[in-house]
Amino acid sequence: MSTHREQFIWKRGVMLAVSCYKLTSHFPKTEIYGLTSQIRRAAVSVPSNIAEGYGRSRKLEYIRYLEIALGSLRELDTQLYIASEVDLVSQELLKPVMNEVDEMQKIMVSTLQKLKV
């Protein structure tokens, strides 16, 4: 029996969360309870919901958890955009993470479309 840890989508979600932790380590310490915390929570929520959904017995439940993960991903995208707008981190550090978010969104949407057939 396969586990969620063998799923490509979960692995990509974990990679994104790790990238977000590394990125936010460059934020000012004054943001620890602000965007730093929110970005980290949203990033961790993505693979967490993928894992929780994968453990459910019905396909519809898995789809629902993937939709929740996609919502967290879009929340993360918004938070990173705001961090960029208020210059919390350099574009050089931010751009690769934003690209990861974009790729993950494509993967999530594609996965959901395939599951809903």
N, C-alpha and C. Protein backbone atom coordinates (compact mmCIF):
# COMPACT_ATOMS: atom_id res chain seq x y z
N MET A 1 0.84 -1.19 0.00
CA MET A 1 0.00 0.00 0.00
C MET A 1 0.89 1.26 0.00
N SER A 2 0.57 2.18 -0.88
CA SER A 2 1.36 3.41 -0.96
C SER A 2 0.91 4.40 0.12
N THR A 3 1.81 5.29 0.47
CA THR A 3 1.49 6.31 1.45
C THR A 3 1.54 7.69 0.78
N HIS A 4 1.08 8.67 1.50
CA HIS A 4 1.10 10.04 0.98
C HIS A 4 2.53 10.49 0.68
N ARG A 5 3.51 9.95 1.42
CA ARG A 5 4.91 10.36 1.21
C ARG A 5 5.46 9.92 -0.14
N GLU A 6 4.77 9.03 -0.81
CA GLU A 6 5.20 8.57 -2.13
C GLU A 6 4.55 9.39 -3.25
N GLN A 7 3.66 10.28 -2.90
CA GLN A 7 2.93 11.06 -3.89
C GLN A 7 3.74 12.29 -4.33
N PHE A 8 3.88 12.45 -5.64
CA PHE A 8 4.62 13.57 -6.21
C PHE A 8 4.09 14.91 -5.69
N ILE A 9 2.78 15.04 -5.66
CA ILE A 9 2.17 16.31 -5.27
C ILE A 9 2.49 16.65 -3.81
N TRP A 10 2.54 15.65 -2.95
CA TRP A 10 2.90 15.87 -1.55
C TRP A 10 4.37 16.29 -1.44
N LYS A 11 5.24 15.60 -2.17
CA LYS A 11 6.67 15.92 -2.15
C LYS A 11 6.91 17.36 -2.59
N ARG A 12 6.21 17.79 -3.64
CA ARG A 12 6.36 19.17 -4.12
C ARG A 12 5.85 20.16 -3.07
N GLY A 13 4.77 19.80 -2.39
CA GLY A 13 4.24 20.66 -1.33
C GLY A 13 5.22 20.82 -0.18
N VAL A 14 5.88 19.73 0.19
CA VAL A 14 6.88 19.80 1.26
C VAL A 14 8.05 20.67 0.81
N MET A 15 8.50 20.49 -0.42
CA MET A 15 9.60 21.31 -0.94
C MET A 15 9.25 22.80 -0.88
N LEU A 16 8.01 23.12 -1.24
CA LEU A 16 7.56 24.51 -1.20
C LEU A 16 7.55 25.03 0.23
N ALA A 17 7.07 24.24 1.17
CA ALA A 17 7.05 24.67 2.57
C ALA A 17 8.46 24.94 3.08
N VAL A 18 9.39 24.07 2.73
CA VAL A 18 10.79 24.26 3.14
C VAL A 18 11.33 25.56 2.53
N SER A 19 11.03 25.80 1.27
CA SER A 19 11.47 27.03 0.61
C SER A 19 10.91 28.26 1.31
N CYS A 20 9.66 28.18 1.74
CA CYS A 20 9.03 29.31 2.43
C CYS A 20 9.67 29.55 3.80
N TYR A 21 10.01 28.48 4.50
CA TYR A 21 10.71 28.64 5.78
C TYR A 21 12.06 29.32 5.57
N LYS A 22 12.78 28.88 4.55
CA LYS A 22 14.10 29.48 4.27
C LYS A 22 13.95 30.94 3.87
N LEU A 23 12.96 31.22 3.03
CA LEU A 23 12.73 32.60 2.58
C LEU A 23 12.40 33.51 3.77
N THR A 24 11.48 33.08 4.61
CA THR A 24 11.04 33.94 5.71
C THR A 24 12.11 34.11 6.78
N SER A 25 13.13 33.26 6.77
CA SER A 25 14.22 33.45 7.73
C SER A 25 14.99 34.75 7.42
N HIS A 26 14.78 35.30 6.22
CA HIS A 26 15.41 36.56 5.82
C HIS A 26 14.54 37.78 6.15
N PHE A 27 13.30 37.54 6.58
CA PHE A 27 12.40 38.65 6.92
C PHE A 27 12.90 39.32 8.20
N PRO A 28 12.55 40.58 8.39
CA PRO A 28 12.91 41.26 9.64
C PRO A 28 12.27 40.54 10.84
N LYS A 29 12.95 40.54 11.95
CA LYS A 29 12.44 39.88 13.17
C LYS A 29 11.11 40.48 13.62
N THR A 30 10.85 41.73 13.26
CA THR A 30 9.59 42.37 13.64
C THR A 30 8.39 41.71 12.95
N GLU A 31 8.64 40.91 11.93
CA GLU A 31 7.56 40.24 11.20
C GLU A 31 7.28 38.82 11.71
N ILE A 32 7.96 38.40 12.76
CA ILE A 32 7.83 37.01 13.21
C ILE A 32 6.37 36.63 13.52
N TYR A 33 5.59 37.56 14.03
CA TYR A 33 4.18 37.27 14.33
C TYR A 33 3.24 37.78 13.24
N GLY A 34 3.81 38.33 12.19
CA GLY A 34 3.02 38.85 11.08
C GLY A 34 3.11 37.93 9.88
N LEU A 35 3.64 38.46 8.79
CA LEU A 35 3.71 37.68 7.55
C LEU A 35 4.59 36.44 7.65
N THR A 36 5.63 36.49 8.45
CA THR A 36 6.48 35.30 8.60
C THR A 36 5.64 34.12 9.07
N SER A 37 4.89 34.34 10.12
CA SER A 37 4.05 33.28 10.70
C SER A 37 2.95 32.85 9.74
N GLN A 38 2.30 33.80 9.10
CA GLN A 38 1.21 33.48 8.18
C GLN A 38 1.71 32.70 6.96
N ILE A 39 2.82 33.12 6.41
CA ILE A 39 3.39 32.43 5.25
C ILE A 39 3.76 31.00 5.61
N ARG A 40 4.39 30.83 6.76
CA ARG A 40 4.78 29.49 7.18
C ARG A 40 3.56 28.59 7.41
N ARG A 41 2.55 29.13 8.05
CA ARG A 41 1.33 28.33 8.30
C ARG A 41 0.65 27.92 7.00
N ALA A 42 0.52 28.86 6.08
CA ALA A 42 -0.13 28.55 4.80
C ALA A 42 0.69 27.53 4.02
N ALA A 43 2.02 27.69 4.04
CA ALA A 43 2.89 26.77 3.30
C ALA A 43 2.81 25.35 3.86
N VAL A 44 2.80 25.22 5.17
CA VAL A 44 2.71 23.91 5.81
C VAL A 44 1.33 23.29 5.59
N SER A 45 0.32 24.12 5.48
CA SER A 45 -1.05 23.64 5.27
C SER A 45 -1.20 22.90 3.94
N VAL A 46 -0.43 23.28 2.93
CA VAL A 46 -0.56 22.66 1.61
C VAL A 46 -0.25 21.16 1.66
N PRO A 47 0.97 20.74 2.02
CA PRO A 47 1.22 19.30 2.05
C PRO A 47 0.45 18.58 3.17
N SER A 48 0.14 19.31 4.24
CA SER A 48 -0.62 18.69 5.34
C SER A 48 -2.01 18.27 4.87
N ASN A 49 -2.67 19.14 4.12
CA ASN A 49 -4.00 18.80 3.61
C ASN A 49 -3.94 17.73 2.53
N ILE A 50 -2.89 17.74 1.74
CA ILE A 50 -2.71 16.69 0.73
C ILE A 50 -2.59 15.34 1.45
N ALA A 51 -1.78 15.30 2.49
CA ALA A 51 -1.58 14.06 3.25
C ALA A 51 -2.87 13.62 3.93
N GLU A 52 -3.57 14.55 4.55
CA GLU A 52 -4.82 14.19 5.23
C GLU A 52 -5.85 13.66 4.25
N GLY A 53 -5.96 14.31 3.11
CA GLY A 53 -6.92 13.86 2.10
C GLY A 53 -6.57 12.50 1.53
N TYR A 54 -5.28 12.26 1.35
CA TYR A 54 -4.83 10.98 0.80
C TYR A 54 -5.20 9.83 1.73
N GLY A 55 -5.25 10.12 3.01
CA GLY A 55 -5.59 9.09 3.99
C GLY A 55 -7.07 8.82 4.11
N ARG A 56 -7.89 9.58 3.44
CA ARG A 56 -9.34 9.38 3.50
C ARG A 56 -9.74 8.21 2.60
N SER A 57 -10.88 7.64 2.93
CA SER A 57 -11.29 6.42 2.22
C SER A 57 -12.01 6.69 0.91
N ARG A 58 -12.57 7.88 0.76
CA ARG A 58 -13.33 8.15 -0.46
C ARG A 58 -12.66 9.21 -1.32
N LYS A 59 -12.77 9.03 -2.63
CA LYS A 59 -12.18 9.96 -3.59
C LYS A 59 -12.70 11.38 -3.41
N LEU A 60 -14.00 11.51 -3.13
CA LEU A 60 -14.58 12.85 -2.95
C LEU A 60 -13.96 13.57 -1.75
N GLU A 61 -13.62 12.83 -0.70
CA GLU A 61 -12.96 13.44 0.44
C GLU A 61 -11.56 13.91 0.06
N TYR A 62 -10.84 13.09 -0.69
CA TYR A 62 -9.50 13.46 -1.15
C TYR A 62 -9.58 14.74 -1.98
N ILE A 63 -10.54 14.80 -2.89
CA ILE A 63 -10.73 16.00 -3.72
C ILE A 63 -10.96 17.22 -2.84
N ARG A 64 -11.79 17.07 -1.82
CA ARG A 64 -12.10 18.19 -0.93
C ARG A 64 -10.83 18.70 -0.23
N TYR A 65 -10.00 17.78 0.24
CA TYR A 65 -8.76 18.20 0.90
C TYR A 65 -7.79 18.83 -0.08
N LEU A 66 -7.77 18.36 -1.31
CA LEU A 66 -6.93 19.00 -2.33
C LEU A 66 -7.42 20.42 -2.61
N GLU A 67 -8.74 20.60 -2.59
CA GLU A 67 -9.29 21.94 -2.79
C GLU A 67 -8.89 22.87 -1.63
N ILE A 68 -8.88 22.32 -0.43
CA ILE A 68 -8.44 23.11 0.73
C ILE A 68 -6.96 23.46 0.58
N ALA A 69 -6.16 22.50 0.15
CA ALA A 69 -4.73 22.74 -0.07
C ALA A 69 -4.53 23.82 -1.13
N LEU A 70 -5.34 23.78 -2.18
CA LEU A 70 -5.24 24.80 -3.23
C LEU A 70 -5.61 26.18 -2.67
N GLY A 71 -6.59 26.22 -1.80
CA GLY A 71 -6.95 27.49 -1.15
C GLY A 71 -5.78 28.02 -0.32
N SER A 72 -5.12 27.14 0.41
CA SER A 72 -3.95 27.56 1.20
C SER A 72 -2.83 28.05 0.28
N LEU A 73 -2.69 27.41 -0.85
CA LEU A 73 -1.67 27.80 -1.82
C LEU A 73 -1.94 29.20 -2.35
N ARG A 74 -3.19 29.49 -2.61
CA ARG A 74 -3.55 30.83 -3.11
C ARG A 74 -3.41 31.88 -2.01
N GLU A 75 -3.68 31.48 -0.78
CA GLU A 75 -3.44 32.35 0.37
C GLU A 75 -1.94 32.66 0.47
N LEU A 76 -1.13 31.63 0.32
CA LEU A 76 0.33 31.79 0.35
C LEU A 76 0.79 32.73 -0.76
N ASP A 77 0.27 32.56 -1.94
CA ASP A 77 0.62 33.42 -3.07
C ASP A 77 0.34 34.89 -2.73
N THR A 78 -0.81 35.14 -2.13
CA THR A 78 -1.20 36.50 -1.75
C THR A 78 -0.25 37.06 -0.69
N GLN A 79 0.09 36.25 0.29
CA GLN A 79 0.99 36.70 1.35
C GLN A 79 2.39 37.01 0.81
N LEU A 80 2.87 36.17 -0.09
CA LEU A 80 4.18 36.42 -0.70
C LEU A 80 4.15 37.70 -1.54
N TYR A 81 3.05 37.91 -2.24
CA TYR A 81 2.89 39.12 -3.04
C TYR A 81 2.95 40.36 -2.14
N ILE A 82 2.25 40.30 -1.02
CA ILE A 82 2.25 41.42 -0.08
C ILE A 82 3.67 41.63 0.48
N ALA A 83 4.34 40.54 0.82
CA ALA A 83 5.73 40.65 1.32
C ALA A 83 6.62 41.35 0.30
N SER A 84 6.37 41.06 -0.96
CA SER A 84 7.12 41.70 -2.04
C SER A 84 6.80 43.19 -2.11
N GLU A 85 5.53 43.51 -2.03
CA GLU A 85 5.08 44.90 -2.15
C GLU A 85 5.61 45.78 -1.02
N VAL A 86 5.80 45.21 0.16
CA VAL A 86 6.30 46.01 1.28
C VAL A 86 7.80 45.81 1.51
N ASP A 87 8.45 45.20 0.50
CA ASP A 87 9.92 45.04 0.49
C ASP A 87 10.48 44.33 1.72
N LEU A 88 9.85 43.21 2.10
CA LEU A 88 10.37 42.43 3.23
C LEU A 88 11.58 41.59 2.86
N VAL A 89 11.72 41.32 1.56
CA VAL A 89 12.81 40.47 1.10
C VAL A 89 13.16 40.84 -0.33
N SER A 90 14.36 40.53 -0.74
CA SER A 90 14.79 40.88 -2.09
C SER A 90 14.05 40.06 -3.14
N GLN A 91 13.88 40.65 -4.31
CA GLN A 91 13.25 39.94 -5.43
C GLN A 91 14.07 38.72 -5.83
N GLU A 92 15.35 38.80 -5.65
CA GLU A 92 16.25 37.69 -5.99
C GLU A 92 15.90 36.44 -5.17
N LEU A 93 15.58 36.63 -3.90
CA LEU A 93 15.19 35.50 -3.04
C LEU A 93 13.73 35.12 -3.24
N LEU A 94 12.89 36.10 -3.49
CA LEU A 94 11.45 35.86 -3.59
C LEU A 94 11.04 35.19 -4.89
N LYS A 95 11.62 35.59 -6.00
CA LYS A 95 11.18 35.12 -7.32
C LYS A 95 11.16 33.59 -7.46
N PRO A 96 12.21 32.87 -7.04
CA PRO A 96 12.16 31.41 -7.17
C PRO A 96 11.03 30.77 -6.37
N VAL A 97 10.71 31.34 -5.21
CA VAL A 97 9.62 30.79 -4.40
C VAL A 97 8.28 31.08 -5.06
N MET A 98 8.13 32.28 -5.60
CA MET A 98 6.89 32.61 -6.32
C MET A 98 6.72 31.67 -7.53
N ASN A 99 7.82 31.36 -8.20
CA ASN A 99 7.75 30.42 -9.32
C ASN A 99 7.32 29.03 -8.85
N GLU A 100 7.81 28.61 -7.68
CA GLU A 100 7.39 27.32 -7.11
C GLU A 100 5.89 27.32 -6.82
N VAL A 101 5.39 28.43 -6.29
CA VAL A 101 3.96 28.55 -6.01
C VAL A 101 3.17 28.41 -7.31
N ASP A 102 3.61 29.10 -8.34
CA ASP A 102 2.92 29.02 -9.64
C ASP A 102 2.91 27.60 -10.18
N GLU A 103 4.05 26.91 -10.09
CA GLU A 103 4.13 25.53 -10.56
C GLU A 103 3.22 24.61 -9.74
N MET A 104 3.22 24.82 -8.44
CA MET A 104 2.40 23.99 -7.56
C MET A 104 0.92 24.21 -7.85
N GLN A 105 0.53 25.45 -8.15
CA GLN A 105 -0.86 25.71 -8.49
C GLN A 105 -1.26 24.95 -9.76
N LYS A 106 -0.37 24.93 -10.75
CA LYS A 106 -0.65 24.20 -11.99
C LYS A 106 -0.81 22.71 -11.70
N ILE A 107 0.07 22.17 -10.87
CA ILE A 107 0.02 20.76 -10.52
C ILE A 107 -1.28 20.44 -9.78
N MET A 108 -1.65 21.28 -8.83
CA MET A 108 -2.87 21.07 -8.05
C MET A 108 -4.12 21.11 -8.92
N VAL A 109 -4.20 22.11 -9.78
CA VAL A 109 -5.37 22.25 -10.66
C VAL A 109 -5.47 21.06 -11.59
N SER A 110 -4.34 20.67 -12.17
CA SER A 110 -4.30 19.52 -13.07
C SER A 110 -4.73 18.23 -12.35
N THR A 111 -4.22 18.04 -11.15
CA THR A 111 -4.57 16.86 -10.36
C THR A 111 -6.05 16.84 -10.05
N LEU A 112 -6.58 17.98 -9.65
CA LEU A 112 -8.02 18.06 -9.36
C LEU A 112 -8.86 17.77 -10.59
N GLN A 113 -8.46 18.30 -11.74
CA GLN A 113 -9.21 18.05 -12.97
C GLN A 113 -9.23 16.57 -13.31
N LYS A 114 -8.09 15.90 -13.15
CA LYS A 114 -8.01 14.46 -13.44
C LYS A 114 -8.87 13.65 -12.47
N LEU A 115 -8.89 14.04 -11.21
CA LEU A 115 -9.67 13.30 -10.22
C LEU A 115 -11.18 13.49 -10.38
N LYS A 116 -11.57 14.64 -10.90
CA LYS A 116 -12.99 14.96 -11.04
C LYS A 116 -13.64 14.32 -12.27
N VAL A 117 -12.85 13.66 -13.10
CA VAL A 117 -13.41 13.04 -14.32
C VAL A 117 -14.23 11.84 -13.96
